[in-house]
Amino acid sequence: MRSGAKVAIVGGVFAVIAGGVGYGAYNVYSGITGGDSGTSTASATQELKTGPLSAEEIDKAAKAFLAGWADGGEAAEVAQLTNDPTAAAPVIEAYRDEAHVTDAVITPGRAVGAKVPFTVRATVEFDGKSKPWSYGSELTVVRGLTTGRPLVDWAPSVIHPRLTATTNLVTSEAAVPPIKAVDRNGTELTKEKYPSLGSVLDQLRERYGEDAGGSPGIELSLRSDGDSVPGQTLLTLAKGKAGTLRTTLDADVQAAAEEAVRQFSEASVAAVKPSTGEILAVANNRKDGFNAAMLGKQAPGSTMKIVTAAMLMEKDLAAPDRSAECPKTVMYEGRTFQNLDGFSIENGTFAQSFARSCNTAFIKLIDDTHDDSALKNEAEEVFGIGLDNWKTGVASFDGSVPAATGGEAAAQYIGQGTVQMNVLNMASITATAKNGSFKQPVIVSRSLDDRTLATASRSLPDSVGRQLRDMMRLTATSGTAANAMSGLGGDKGAKTGSAEVDGQATSNSWFTGFQDDLAAAAVVQSGGHGGDAAGPVVAAVLRAG
């Protein structure tokens, strides 16, 4: 990095104004002289200051750091204006040498306490290509513990809000060419039109871009340490030629999924074709941008009773027309379980307990299995869950049903405790129930890379599969899922779930269902009863299919 450069400050010195510290923009170019480089240090003989920072101290510390950074001064000197110069120096240096950012114009906003927001307007130049780049960030000024000096509280996010200790800003020729991802019918899928697909499209490019027939462009990207493949493109200096990549997604179903999850905060949904395992949609509405639909790990509540019911019927411990006790509460090995709102069913059948989601009816049968691994085995052998071998085409979690005993095993029967699922897992479980055998979900054809897909060791016995579907149909027409599924025709079935989470006042809303050859599942955080929040999300997706 260039040393000895001076900084010109547009509009003169910083001014203290009522309500906070106001700043002019300072515009830094090579060769301009005057002003202050901002890299001087406090005298060793100066009295150590303590106590809250003054507005003037915040003013000067922010001015010095931002001016030094914008001017491209020696990284080690600029880093001394932070409270962690060892960590700050290489990040500041990489901003110029690896990200290739030049001609920075930084405009601070009004300070709020010790926080100073600012905007960066700069140019990124590489291999004869250049493009403007702008973004906002903020810094916080703190008092140094050993020096008492006002210093910038160091974090990589000061340089860019998405930068972390394990990522880097790099401008170069893209490691892989761009892709034009299309749905099963050839409709283009973009991040702008389908925001939930952002991370999915990035992964598809990473994994299949080189084989899709395109050529790379020049990009500024956010990369993980030691990873040569862009994790997220922040700026495109020169577009490459995109290769076409066909996915299993359906643009109409995806659009419906995107719209449905936007109705609730922290919601996810996934849709699968039971006959093939093809993923038709995956959508999330989350503040953190996490692809919880495919990577989430949560208790699925009573939607898990699909697997539990299959296991109990396979062991001839239950059948739809057999009587099943459904008291208000039941105790199992020191733990008390109850039904939602304390309901009970007098002289009811197992099908009625399934349709109304009676927890106690399921837990009362646990002793009769005589096998602590019964539920785990059913999930793995029939539904393909928990083997950690799905290869969907992008990163995914395959669900987990660990072996359990005592009260923990009872909790698993009703989808609580140590059971962990996401909505793709539950959509797949529903697809298996509908189809009779497990088809591993995929988002791109295995013919792209000849990857080995997961398989289940056996199918549902015909009689059990038929009975399970009949109980799901009953749930969709006269049980807890009836309201949500009422507008759908065709062959339809469903299961609701309310998953209680420690420290959460309201349970998570889960819902899964099928209509003809489409299965979908959704979760809404703190959404309450499964039919109230997640149910309409699933119904909207099924309707679009």
Protein backbone atom coordinates (compact mmCIF):
# COMPACT_ATOMS: atom_id res chain seq x y z
CA MET A 1 0.00 0.00 0.00
CA ARG A 2 1.15 3.56 -0.69
CA SER A 3 2.76 5.46 2.17
CA GLY A 4 3.21 9.16 2.82
CA ALA A 5 -0.05 10.22 1.15
CA LYS A 6 -1.96 13.18 2.48
CA VAL A 7 -5.67 13.60 2.89
CA ALA A 8 -7.83 16.45 1.66
CA ILE A 9 -11.04 16.97 3.65
CA VAL A 10 -13.91 18.50 1.74
CA GLY A 11 -15.72 21.16 3.73
CA GLY A 12 -12.96 21.72 6.28
CA VAL A 13 -12.79 20.24 9.75
CA PHE A 14 -15.49 18.18 11.43
CA ALA A 15 -18.05 20.16 13.34
CA VAL A 16 -19.85 19.35 16.58
CA ILE A 17 -23.58 20.02 16.22
CA ALA A 18 -26.58 19.66 18.50
CA GLY A 19 -27.73 16.09 18.91
CA GLY A 20 -24.52 14.46 17.70
CA VAL A 21 -21.38 14.86 15.64
CA GLY A 22 -21.84 16.12 12.09
CA TYR A 23 -19.31 15.50 9.32
CA GLY A 24 -18.57 16.72 5.85
CA ALA A 25 -17.57 14.16 3.24
CA TYR A 26 -13.87 13.74 2.69
CA ASN A 27 -12.66 12.91 -0.77
CA VAL A 28 -9.23 11.36 -1.11
CA TYR A 29 -7.18 11.06 -4.29
CA SER A 30 -3.54 10.31 -4.96
CA GLY A 31 -1.30 13.31 -4.92
CA ILE A 32 -3.61 15.74 -3.09
CA THR A 33 -1.85 17.39 -0.18
CA GLY A 34 -2.96 19.19 2.91
CA GLY A 35 -4.96 18.19 5.96
CA ASP A 36 -3.93 15.50 8.42
CA SER A 37 -2.94 11.91 7.67
CA GLY A 38 -4.66 10.91 10.91
CA THR A 39 -1.89 8.50 11.95
CA SER A 40 -0.27 10.38 14.83
CA THR A 41 -0.21 8.71 18.24
CA ALA A 42 -0.70 10.10 21.72
CA SER A 43 2.35 11.14 23.68
CA ALA A 44 3.56 8.56 26.17
CA THR A 45 3.70 11.29 28.79
CA GLN A 46 0.10 12.37 28.24
CA GLU A 47 -2.21 11.73 31.18
CA LEU A 48 -4.28 8.54 30.76
CA LYS A 49 -7.90 9.48 30.16
CA THR A 50 -10.81 7.51 31.55
CA GLY A 51 -14.58 7.75 31.54
CA PRO A 52 -17.10 8.21 28.73
CA LEU A 53 -15.91 9.54 25.39
CA SER A 54 -16.71 13.10 24.49
CA ALA A 55 -18.28 14.09 21.17
CA GLU A 56 -14.95 15.68 20.22
CA GLU A 57 -13.05 12.46 20.90
CA ILE A 58 -15.50 10.43 18.82
CA ASP A 59 -15.22 13.07 16.10
CA LYS A 60 -11.43 12.99 15.92
CA ALA A 61 -11.08 9.20 16.18
CA ALA A 62 -13.59 8.58 13.40
CA LYS A 63 -11.97 11.29 11.24
CA ALA A 64 -8.49 9.87 11.64
CA PHE A 65 -9.44 6.27 10.90
CA LEU A 66 -11.73 6.93 7.95
CA ALA A 67 -9.30 9.42 6.39
CA GLY A 68 -6.37 7.04 6.75
CA TRP A 69 -8.33 4.11 5.34
CA ALA A 70 -9.79 6.10 2.45
CA ASP A 71 -6.38 7.51 1.51
CA GLY A 72 -4.84 4.07 1.19
CA GLY A 73 -2.17 4.83 3.75
CA GLU A 74 0.04 2.19 5.32
CA ALA A 75 -2.27 -0.46 6.72
CA ALA A 76 -0.18 -0.92 9.86
CA GLU A 77 -0.44 2.80 10.66
CA VAL A 78 -4.19 2.98 10.02
CA ALA A 79 -4.69 -0.17 12.09
CA GLN A 80 -3.07 1.58 15.08
CA LEU A 81 -6.20 3.73 15.20
CA THR A 82 -8.20 0.62 16.21
CA ASN A 83 -8.21 -1.38 19.43
CA ASP A 84 -6.91 -4.50 17.59
CA PRO A 85 -4.24 -3.42 15.10
CA THR A 86 -2.90 -6.94 14.59
CA ALA A 87 -6.25 -8.14 13.23
CA ALA A 88 -7.14 -4.90 11.45
CA ALA A 89 -3.95 -4.37 9.41
CA PRO A 90 -4.25 -7.33 6.99
CA VAL A 91 -7.96 -6.62 6.34
CA ILE A 92 -7.28 -2.95 5.56
CA GLU A 93 -4.36 -3.90 3.32
CA ALA A 94 -6.41 -6.53 1.48
CA TYR A 95 -9.09 -3.94 0.74
CA ARG A 96 -6.68 -2.30 -1.71
CA ASP A 97 -4.44 -5.19 -2.75
CA GLU A 98 -6.98 -8.04 -3.06
CA ALA A 99 -10.30 -6.27 -3.50
CA HIS A 100 -8.58 -3.66 -5.72
CA VAL A 101 -10.63 -0.75 -4.37
CA THR A 102 -9.43 2.75 -5.33
CA ASP A 103 -10.57 6.39 -5.17
CA ALA A 104 -12.60 6.00 -1.99
CA VAL A 105 -14.97 8.78 -0.99
CA ILE A 106 -16.30 8.22 2.52
CA THR A 107 -19.23 10.23 3.84
CA PRO A 108 -19.93 9.84 7.55
CA GLY A 109 -23.42 10.37 8.87
CA ARG A 110 -24.55 11.72 12.21
CA ALA A 111 -23.03 9.93 15.18
CA VAL A 112 -25.44 8.15 17.49
CA GLY A 113 -23.62 7.94 20.77
CA ALA A 114 -20.29 6.36 19.93
CA LYS A 115 -21.53 4.81 16.66
CA VAL A 116 -20.72 6.58 13.41
CA PRO A 117 -22.49 5.38 10.25
CA PHE A 118 -20.86 6.10 6.92
CA THR A 119 -21.17 5.43 3.21
CA VAL A 120 -18.36 4.40 0.89
CA ARG A 121 -18.28 5.36 -2.78
CA ALA A 122 -15.30 3.93 -4.59
CA THR A 123 -14.06 2.32 -7.80
CA VAL A 124 -13.03 -1.32 -8.20
CA GLU A 125 -10.36 -1.84 -10.89
CA PHE A 126 -8.95 -5.12 -12.17
CA ASP A 127 -7.36 -6.26 -15.44
CA GLY A 128 -8.35 -3.14 -17.32
CA LYS A 129 -11.95 -3.24 -16.09
CA SER A 130 -13.46 -0.84 -13.57
CA LYS A 131 -16.83 -0.16 -12.02
CA PRO A 132 -18.24 2.12 -9.28
CA TRP A 133 -19.07 0.48 -5.96
CA SER A 134 -20.97 1.91 -3.03
CA TYR A 135 -22.29 0.59 0.28
CA GLY A 136 -22.90 1.61 3.88
CA SER A 137 -21.32 0.49 7.14
CA GLU A 138 -20.63 1.87 10.62
CA LEU A 139 -17.92 2.04 13.24
CA THR A 140 -17.93 2.41 16.99
CA VAL A 141 -15.40 4.46 18.94
CA VAL A 142 -14.26 3.11 22.31
CA ARG A 143 -11.65 4.16 24.84
CA GLY A 144 -8.47 2.10 24.71
CA LEU A 145 -8.04 -0.06 27.80
CA THR A 146 -4.31 0.57 28.17
CA THR A 147 -3.84 3.94 26.50
CA GLY A 148 -7.10 5.70 27.28
CA ARG A 149 -7.12 6.93 23.67
CA PRO A 150 -10.35 6.96 21.62
CA LEU A 151 -10.02 4.08 19.12
CA VAL A 152 -12.20 2.37 16.53
CA ASP A 153 -13.63 -0.84 17.98
CA TRP A 154 -12.29 -3.26 15.41
CA ALA A 155 -14.46 -5.74 13.52
CA PRO A 156 -14.13 -6.76 9.85
CA SER A 157 -17.70 -5.51 9.34
CA VAL A 158 -16.35 -1.95 9.70
CA ILE A 159 -14.74 -2.37 6.27
CA HIS A 160 -17.84 -4.02 4.78
CA PRO A 161 -20.98 -5.12 6.66
CA ARG A 162 -20.82 -8.68 5.31
CA LEU A 163 -17.15 -9.19 5.99
CA THR A 164 -16.26 -11.55 8.86
CA ALA A 165 -13.11 -12.93 10.43
CA THR A 166 -13.31 -15.96 8.11
CA THR A 167 -14.13 -14.23 4.82
CA ASN A 168 -12.22 -12.02 2.39
CA LEU A 169 -13.07 -9.46 -0.29
CA VAL A 170 -11.41 -10.52 -3.54
CA THR A 171 -11.60 -9.12 -7.07
CA SER A 172 -10.45 -11.51 -9.80
CA GLU A 173 -11.59 -13.54 -12.71
CA ALA A 174 -14.45 -15.64 -11.36
CA ALA A 175 -13.43 -19.12 -10.27
CA VAL A 176 -16.43 -20.56 -12.10
CA PRO A 177 -18.55 -19.22 -14.96
CA PRO A 178 -22.01 -17.79 -14.28
CA ILE A 179 -25.05 -19.95 -14.86
CA LYS A 180 -28.50 -19.34 -16.25
CA ALA A 181 -30.55 -21.55 -13.96
CA VAL A 182 -33.89 -22.59 -15.43
CA ASP A 183 -36.83 -24.53 -14.03
CA ARG A 184 -38.14 -27.85 -15.32
CA ASN A 185 -39.93 -26.04 -18.17
CA GLY A 186 -37.09 -23.72 -19.18
CA THR A 187 -38.17 -20.58 -17.27
CA GLU A 188 -35.18 -18.63 -15.94
CA LEU A 189 -34.75 -18.50 -12.16
CA THR A 190 -33.07 -15.37 -10.78
CA LYS A 191 -32.31 -14.08 -7.29
CA GLU A 192 -34.22 -10.90 -8.06
CA LYS A 193 -37.46 -12.70 -8.93
CA TYR A 194 -37.07 -15.56 -6.45
CA PRO A 195 -35.10 -14.17 -3.45
CA SER A 196 -35.26 -17.43 -1.49
CA LEU A 197 -33.15 -19.13 -4.15
CA GLY A 198 -30.14 -16.86 -3.60
CA SER A 199 -27.96 -19.31 -1.70
CA VAL A 200 -29.25 -22.23 -3.76
CA LEU A 201 -28.29 -20.56 -7.05
CA ASP A 202 -24.86 -19.68 -5.63
CA GLN A 203 -24.27 -23.32 -4.72
CA LEU A 204 -25.51 -24.56 -8.08
CA ARG A 205 -23.07 -22.24 -9.82
CA GLU A 206 -20.25 -23.38 -7.54
CA ARG A 207 -20.91 -27.07 -8.15
CA TYR A 208 -21.99 -27.13 -11.79
CA GLY A 209 -20.85 -23.85 -13.36
CA GLU A 210 -17.77 -25.33 -15.02
CA ASP A 211 -19.84 -28.02 -16.71
CA ALA A 212 -22.70 -25.77 -17.84
CA GLY A 213 -20.85 -24.40 -20.88
CA GLY A 214 -20.22 -20.79 -19.81
CA SER A 215 -17.11 -18.63 -19.48
CA PRO A 216 -16.06 -16.66 -16.37
CA GLY A 217 -16.29 -12.90 -15.89
CA ILE A 218 -14.53 -10.53 -13.47
CA GLU A 219 -16.12 -10.11 -10.04
CA LEU A 220 -15.68 -8.70 -6.59
CA SER A 221 -16.80 -11.47 -4.29
CA LEU A 222 -16.94 -12.48 -0.66
CA ARG A 223 -14.93 -15.67 -0.20
CA SER A 224 -14.39 -17.95 2.74
CA ASP A 225 -10.83 -18.47 3.91
CA GLY A 226 -9.03 -21.06 1.80
CA ASP A 227 -11.88 -21.29 -0.71
CA SER A 228 -11.13 -20.29 -4.29
CA VAL A 229 -14.79 -20.37 -5.26
CA PRO A 230 -16.86 -17.19 -4.80
CA GLY A 231 -19.39 -17.57 -2.03
CA GLN A 232 -21.25 -14.38 -2.86
CA THR A 233 -20.79 -11.94 -5.73
CA LEU A 234 -20.90 -8.29 -4.57
CA LEU A 235 -20.02 -6.55 -7.85
CA THR A 236 -19.62 -7.71 -11.46
CA LEU A 237 -16.98 -5.76 -13.39
CA ALA A 238 -17.28 -7.81 -16.56
CA LYS A 239 -20.00 -10.33 -17.24
CA GLY A 240 -19.02 -13.82 -18.27
CA LYS A 241 -21.01 -16.02 -20.58
CA ALA A 242 -23.63 -17.95 -18.62
CA GLY A 243 -24.12 -21.66 -19.18
CA THR A 244 -27.66 -23.03 -18.89
CA LEU A 245 -28.39 -25.31 -15.93
CA ARG A 246 -31.76 -27.06 -15.71
CA THR A 247 -33.19 -27.68 -12.25
CA THR A 248 -36.18 -29.68 -11.02
CA LEU A 249 -37.86 -26.54 -9.67
CA ASP A 250 -41.20 -25.30 -11.00
CA ALA A 251 -41.34 -21.51 -11.45
CA ASP A 252 -45.08 -21.34 -10.71
CA VAL A 253 -44.81 -23.41 -7.53
CA GLN A 254 -41.69 -21.48 -6.47
CA ALA A 255 -43.49 -18.16 -6.99
CA ALA A 256 -46.40 -19.36 -4.84
CA ALA A 257 -43.95 -20.52 -2.16
CA GLU A 258 -42.15 -17.16 -2.14
CA GLU A 259 -45.43 -15.29 -1.76
CA ALA A 260 -46.76 -17.65 0.92
CA VAL A 261 -43.76 -17.39 3.27
CA ARG A 262 -43.80 -13.59 3.01
CA GLN A 263 -47.07 -13.61 4.94
CA PHE A 264 -45.20 -14.67 8.11
CA SER A 265 -41.90 -13.76 9.70
CA GLU A 266 -39.44 -16.63 10.02
CA ALA A 267 -41.24 -19.11 7.74
CA SER A 268 -40.00 -21.90 5.44
CA VAL A 269 -41.64 -24.26 2.94
CA ALA A 270 -40.54 -27.01 0.56
CA ALA A 271 -42.38 -29.03 -2.09
CA VAL A 272 -41.47 -32.44 -3.53
CA LYS A 273 -42.90 -34.65 -6.27
CA PRO A 274 -43.64 -38.01 -4.55
CA SER A 275 -43.24 -40.19 -7.65
CA THR A 276 -39.73 -38.92 -8.44
CA GLY A 277 -38.34 -37.02 -5.41
CA GLU A 278 -37.86 -33.90 -7.54
CA ILE A 279 -37.90 -30.67 -5.53
CA LEU A 280 -40.40 -28.24 -7.04
CA ALA A 281 -39.95 -25.35 -4.61
CA VAL A 282 -37.95 -24.24 -1.60
CA ALA A 283 -38.56 -20.87 0.05
CA ASN A 284 -37.69 -19.01 3.24
CA ASN A 285 -38.62 -15.70 4.80
CA ARG A 286 -35.94 -15.15 7.43
CA LYS A 287 -34.01 -12.12 8.62
CA ASP A 288 -30.72 -14.04 8.61
CA GLY A 289 -31.07 -15.35 5.03
CA PHE A 290 -30.43 -18.93 6.23
CA ASN A 291 -31.80 -21.69 4.00
CA ALA A 292 -33.71 -23.27 6.88
CA ALA A 293 -35.97 -25.15 4.45
CA MET A 294 -33.05 -27.44 3.57
CA LEU A 295 -30.58 -26.97 6.42
CA GLY A 296 -32.78 -26.32 9.45
CA LYS A 297 -32.78 -28.61 12.48
CA GLN A 298 -35.93 -28.40 14.61
CA ALA A 299 -38.44 -30.56 16.41
CA PRO A 300 -41.29 -31.08 13.89
CA GLY A 301 -44.08 -31.61 16.41
CA SER A 302 -46.96 -33.90 15.55
CA THR A 303 -46.14 -34.05 11.83
CA MET A 304 -43.72 -36.76 13.06
CA LYS A 305 -46.76 -38.91 13.86
CA ILE A 306 -46.75 -39.95 10.19
CA VAL A 307 -43.58 -41.96 10.91
CA THR A 308 -44.77 -43.05 14.36
CA ALA A 309 -48.11 -44.26 13.01
CA ALA A 310 -46.39 -46.23 10.24
CA MET A 311 -44.14 -47.91 12.81
CA LEU A 312 -47.03 -48.78 15.15
CA MET A 313 -49.11 -50.21 12.31
CA GLU A 314 -46.16 -52.22 10.97
CA LYS A 315 -45.80 -53.77 14.42
CA ASP A 316 -49.56 -54.48 14.46
CA LEU A 317 -49.92 -52.32 17.56
CA ALA A 318 -52.46 -50.00 15.92
CA ALA A 319 -54.84 -49.82 12.98
CA PRO A 320 -57.17 -47.04 11.82
CA ASP A 321 -60.35 -48.81 12.99
CA ARG A 322 -58.98 -50.13 16.29
CA SER A 323 -59.84 -48.44 19.55
CA ALA A 324 -57.20 -46.13 21.00
CA GLU A 325 -57.26 -44.54 24.44
CA CYS A 326 -56.93 -40.75 24.27
CA PRO A 327 -57.07 -39.30 27.80
CA LYS A 328 -56.32 -35.64 28.55
CA THR A 329 -52.93 -36.47 30.03
CA VAL A 330 -50.62 -39.43 30.39
CA MET A 331 -47.48 -39.97 32.46
CA TYR A 332 -44.55 -41.95 31.11
CA GLU A 333 -41.43 -42.56 33.24
CA GLY A 334 -41.82 -39.40 35.25
CA ARG A 335 -42.84 -37.09 32.41
CA THR A 336 -46.40 -35.86 31.94
CA PHE A 337 -47.74 -35.36 28.41
CA GLN A 338 -51.01 -33.72 27.45
CA ASN A 339 -53.08 -32.93 24.39
CA LEU A 340 -53.47 -29.43 23.00
CA ASP A 341 -55.98 -27.55 25.13
CA GLY A 342 -56.41 -30.69 27.24
CA PHE A 343 -58.89 -32.47 24.95
CA SER A 344 -59.71 -36.16 25.16
CA ILE A 345 -61.56 -38.62 22.91
CA GLU A 346 -64.03 -41.03 24.43
CA ASN A 347 -64.20 -44.49 22.83
CA GLY A 348 -62.25 -43.26 19.81
CA THR A 349 -60.26 -45.07 17.14
CA PHE A 350 -56.60 -44.75 16.23
CA ALA A 351 -57.62 -42.92 13.03
CA GLN A 352 -59.51 -40.34 15.08
CA SER A 353 -56.53 -39.89 17.38
CA PHE A 354 -54.31 -39.34 14.33
CA ALA A 355 -56.75 -36.90 12.72
CA ARG A 356 -57.16 -34.86 15.92
CA SER A 357 -53.45 -35.24 16.81
CA CYS A 358 -53.91 -36.93 20.17
CA ASN A 359 -50.51 -37.09 21.85
CA THR A 360 -51.56 -39.40 24.66
CA ALA A 361 -52.89 -42.12 22.35
CA PHE A 362 -49.46 -42.45 20.73
CA ILE A 363 -47.46 -42.34 23.96
CA LYS A 364 -49.63 -45.00 25.63
CA LEU A 365 -48.42 -47.49 22.99
CA ILE A 366 -44.69 -46.94 23.53
CA ASP A 367 -44.18 -49.85 25.96
CA ASP A 368 -45.72 -52.28 23.51
CA THR A 369 -42.97 -51.74 20.94
CA HIS A 370 -40.36 -53.39 23.21
CA ASP A 371 -37.67 -51.65 21.15
CA ASP A 372 -35.96 -48.36 22.01
CA SER A 373 -34.77 -48.06 18.39
CA ALA A 374 -38.14 -48.75 16.77
CA LEU A 375 -38.83 -45.16 15.68
CA LYS A 376 -35.22 -44.59 14.57
CA ASN A 377 -35.31 -47.76 12.47
CA GLU A 378 -38.63 -46.86 10.85
CA ALA A 379 -37.35 -43.39 9.94
CA GLU A 380 -34.15 -44.76 8.40
CA GLU A 381 -35.34 -47.99 6.77
CA VAL A 382 -38.61 -46.75 5.25
CA PHE A 383 -38.44 -42.94 5.08
CA GLY A 384 -34.72 -42.46 4.33
CA ILE A 385 -34.28 -40.10 7.30
CA GLY A 386 -31.16 -39.84 9.45
CA LEU A 387 -28.63 -41.70 7.30
CA ASP A 388 -26.68 -38.53 6.43
CA ASN A 389 -26.36 -39.51 2.76
CA TRP A 390 -28.75 -37.30 0.79
CA LYS A 391 -27.17 -35.71 -2.28
CA THR A 392 -29.77 -33.22 -3.42
CA GLY A 393 -27.36 -31.19 -5.56
CA VAL A 394 -26.86 -28.52 -2.87
CA ALA A 395 -26.20 -28.63 0.86
CA SER A 396 -29.00 -30.20 2.90
CA PHE A 397 -29.66 -31.82 6.27
CA ASP A 398 -31.21 -35.29 6.15
CA GLY A 399 -33.08 -35.25 9.46
CA SER A 400 -32.22 -37.09 12.64
CA VAL A 401 -34.11 -39.53 14.88
CA PRO A 402 -31.58 -40.83 17.42
CA ALA A 403 -32.33 -43.85 19.58
CA ALA A 404 -33.88 -42.80 22.90
CA THR A 405 -35.27 -44.31 26.08
CA GLY A 406 -37.76 -43.36 28.78
CA GLY A 407 -39.44 -39.99 28.64
CA GLU A 408 -37.20 -38.88 25.78
CA ALA A 409 -38.47 -41.73 23.63
CA ALA A 410 -42.05 -40.77 24.44
CA ALA A 411 -41.32 -37.19 23.37
CA GLN A 412 -39.96 -38.46 20.06
CA TYR A 413 -43.21 -40.27 19.29
CA ILE A 414 -44.93 -36.89 19.04
CA GLY A 415 -42.07 -35.06 17.29
CA GLN A 416 -40.49 -33.44 20.32
CA GLY A 417 -37.28 -34.11 22.21
CA THR A 418 -34.24 -35.04 20.16
CA VAL A 419 -35.99 -35.44 16.80
CA GLN A 420 -34.66 -32.87 14.32
CA MET A 421 -36.17 -32.08 10.93
CA ASN A 422 -36.56 -29.34 8.36
CA VAL A 423 -39.43 -28.80 5.96
CA LEU A 424 -37.66 -30.62 3.12
CA ASN A 425 -37.39 -33.67 5.39
CA MET A 426 -41.09 -33.48 6.27
CA ALA A 427 -42.11 -32.92 2.64
CA SER A 428 -40.10 -36.03 1.77
CA ILE A 429 -41.71 -38.05 4.60
CA THR A 430 -45.12 -37.04 3.26
CA ALA A 431 -44.03 -37.90 -0.28
CA THR A 432 -42.93 -41.35 0.92
CA ALA A 433 -46.29 -41.89 2.62
CA LYS A 434 -48.07 -40.89 -0.59
CA ASN A 435 -45.84 -42.87 -2.97
CA GLY A 436 -45.28 -45.89 -0.73
CA SER A 437 -41.50 -45.78 -1.15
CA PHE A 438 -38.72 -43.24 -0.55
CA LYS A 439 -37.35 -41.20 -3.43
CA GLN A 440 -34.42 -39.03 -2.35
CA PRO A 441 -35.18 -35.34 -2.98
CA VAL A 442 -33.09 -33.75 -5.76
CA ILE A 443 -32.88 -30.22 -7.12
CA VAL A 444 -30.83 -31.16 -10.19
CA SER A 445 -30.73 -34.44 -12.07
CA ARG A 446 -28.14 -37.00 -10.94
CA SER A 447 -27.14 -37.28 -14.62
CA LEU A 448 -25.24 -33.98 -14.20
CA ASP A 449 -22.58 -35.56 -12.01
CA ASP A 450 -23.52 -39.24 -11.69
CA ARG A 451 -23.76 -38.85 -7.92
CA THR A 452 -25.12 -41.72 -5.85
CA LEU A 453 -28.56 -40.99 -4.42
CA ALA A 454 -29.69 -42.21 -1.02
CA THR A 455 -32.06 -45.16 -0.88
CA ALA A 456 -34.23 -46.69 1.83
CA SER A 457 -33.80 -50.37 2.58
CA ARG A 458 -37.50 -51.16 2.19
CA SER A 459 -40.84 -49.71 1.17
CA LEU A 460 -43.95 -49.28 3.26
CA PRO A 461 -45.98 -52.50 3.29
CA ASP A 462 -48.93 -51.97 0.93
CA SER A 463 -51.55 -52.32 3.65
CA VAL A 464 -49.73 -49.93 6.00
CA GLY A 465 -49.22 -47.37 3.24
CA ARG A 466 -52.90 -47.52 2.30
CA GLN A 467 -54.00 -47.11 5.93
CA LEU A 468 -51.55 -44.26 6.53
CA ARG A 469 -52.82 -42.34 3.50
CA ASP A 470 -56.42 -42.90 4.56
CA MET A 471 -55.68 -41.39 7.99
CA MET A 472 -53.98 -38.40 6.35
CA ARG A 473 -57.03 -37.99 4.10
CA LEU A 474 -59.27 -38.05 7.16
CA THR A 475 -57.10 -35.38 8.79
CA ALA A 476 -57.41 -33.20 5.67
CA THR A 477 -61.18 -33.49 5.43
CA SER A 478 -62.45 -33.63 9.02
CA GLY A 479 -59.41 -33.39 11.31
CA THR A 480 -57.04 -30.63 12.39
CA ALA A 481 -55.98 -29.89 8.79
CA ALA A 482 -59.51 -29.50 7.38
CA ASN A 483 -59.67 -25.70 7.36
CA ALA A 484 -56.33 -25.24 5.62
CA MET A 485 -57.01 -27.95 3.01
CA SER A 486 -60.67 -27.09 2.38
CA GLY A 487 -60.08 -25.27 -0.90
CA LEU A 488 -58.12 -28.09 -2.51
CA GLY A 489 -59.51 -30.84 -4.68
CA GLY A 490 -58.05 -34.10 -5.92
CA ASP A 491 -56.53 -36.74 -3.69
CA LYS A 492 -55.42 -34.88 -0.59
CA GLY A 493 -54.07 -35.68 2.87
CA ALA A 494 -52.29 -33.81 5.63
CA LYS A 495 -50.91 -33.71 9.18
CA THR A 496 -50.58 -30.77 11.55
CA GLY A 497 -48.00 -30.14 14.25
CA SER A 498 -47.29 -27.71 17.07
CA ALA A 499 -43.73 -27.97 18.33
CA GLU A 500 -42.98 -26.59 21.78
CA VAL A 501 -39.54 -25.02 22.08
CA ASP A 502 -37.82 -24.17 25.37
CA GLY A 503 -37.94 -20.46 26.13
CA GLN A 504 -40.52 -19.77 23.44
CA ALA A 505 -43.93 -18.52 24.57
CA THR A 506 -45.77 -19.79 21.48
CA SER A 507 -45.14 -23.13 19.77
CA ASN A 508 -43.82 -23.42 16.22
CA SER A 509 -46.48 -24.12 13.62
CA TRP A 510 -45.83 -27.17 11.38
CA PHE A 511 -47.96 -28.55 8.57
CA THR A 512 -47.41 -31.12 5.87
CA GLY A 513 -49.72 -32.39 3.17
CA PHE A 514 -50.14 -33.87 -0.27
CA GLN A 515 -52.40 -33.27 -3.24
CA ASP A 516 -52.15 -35.81 -6.04
CA ASP A 517 -48.44 -36.02 -7.03
CA LEU A 518 -47.21 -33.10 -4.94
CA ALA A 519 -46.19 -33.02 -1.27
CA ALA A 520 -45.28 -29.92 0.73
CA ALA A 521 -44.36 -28.99 4.28
CA ALA A 522 -43.98 -25.67 6.09
CA VAL A 523 -42.96 -24.26 9.45
CA VAL A 524 -43.71 -20.84 10.91
CA GLN A 525 -41.70 -19.88 13.99
CA SER A 526 -43.98 -19.08 16.95
CA GLY A 527 -46.96 -19.58 14.65
CA GLY A 528 -48.98 -21.63 17.13
CA HIS A 529 -51.26 -24.40 15.88
CA GLY A 530 -50.12 -26.08 12.68
CA GLY A 531 -53.33 -25.45 10.79
CA ASP A 532 -53.40 -21.73 11.57
CA ALA A 533 -50.08 -20.49 10.14
CA ALA A 534 -48.12 -23.23 8.34
CA GLY A 535 -51.32 -24.77 6.95
CA PRO A 536 -52.20 -21.87 4.60
CA VAL A 537 -48.58 -21.78 3.38
CA VAL A 538 -48.71 -25.46 2.38
CA ALA A 539 -52.17 -25.07 0.85
CA ALA A 540 -50.98 -22.19 -1.34
CA VAL A 541 -48.05 -24.24 -2.63
CA LEU A 542 -50.19 -27.32 -3.31
CA ARG A 543 -52.74 -25.17 -5.11
CA ALA A 544 -50.05 -23.79 -7.43
CA GLY A 545 -48.93 -27.30 -8.33
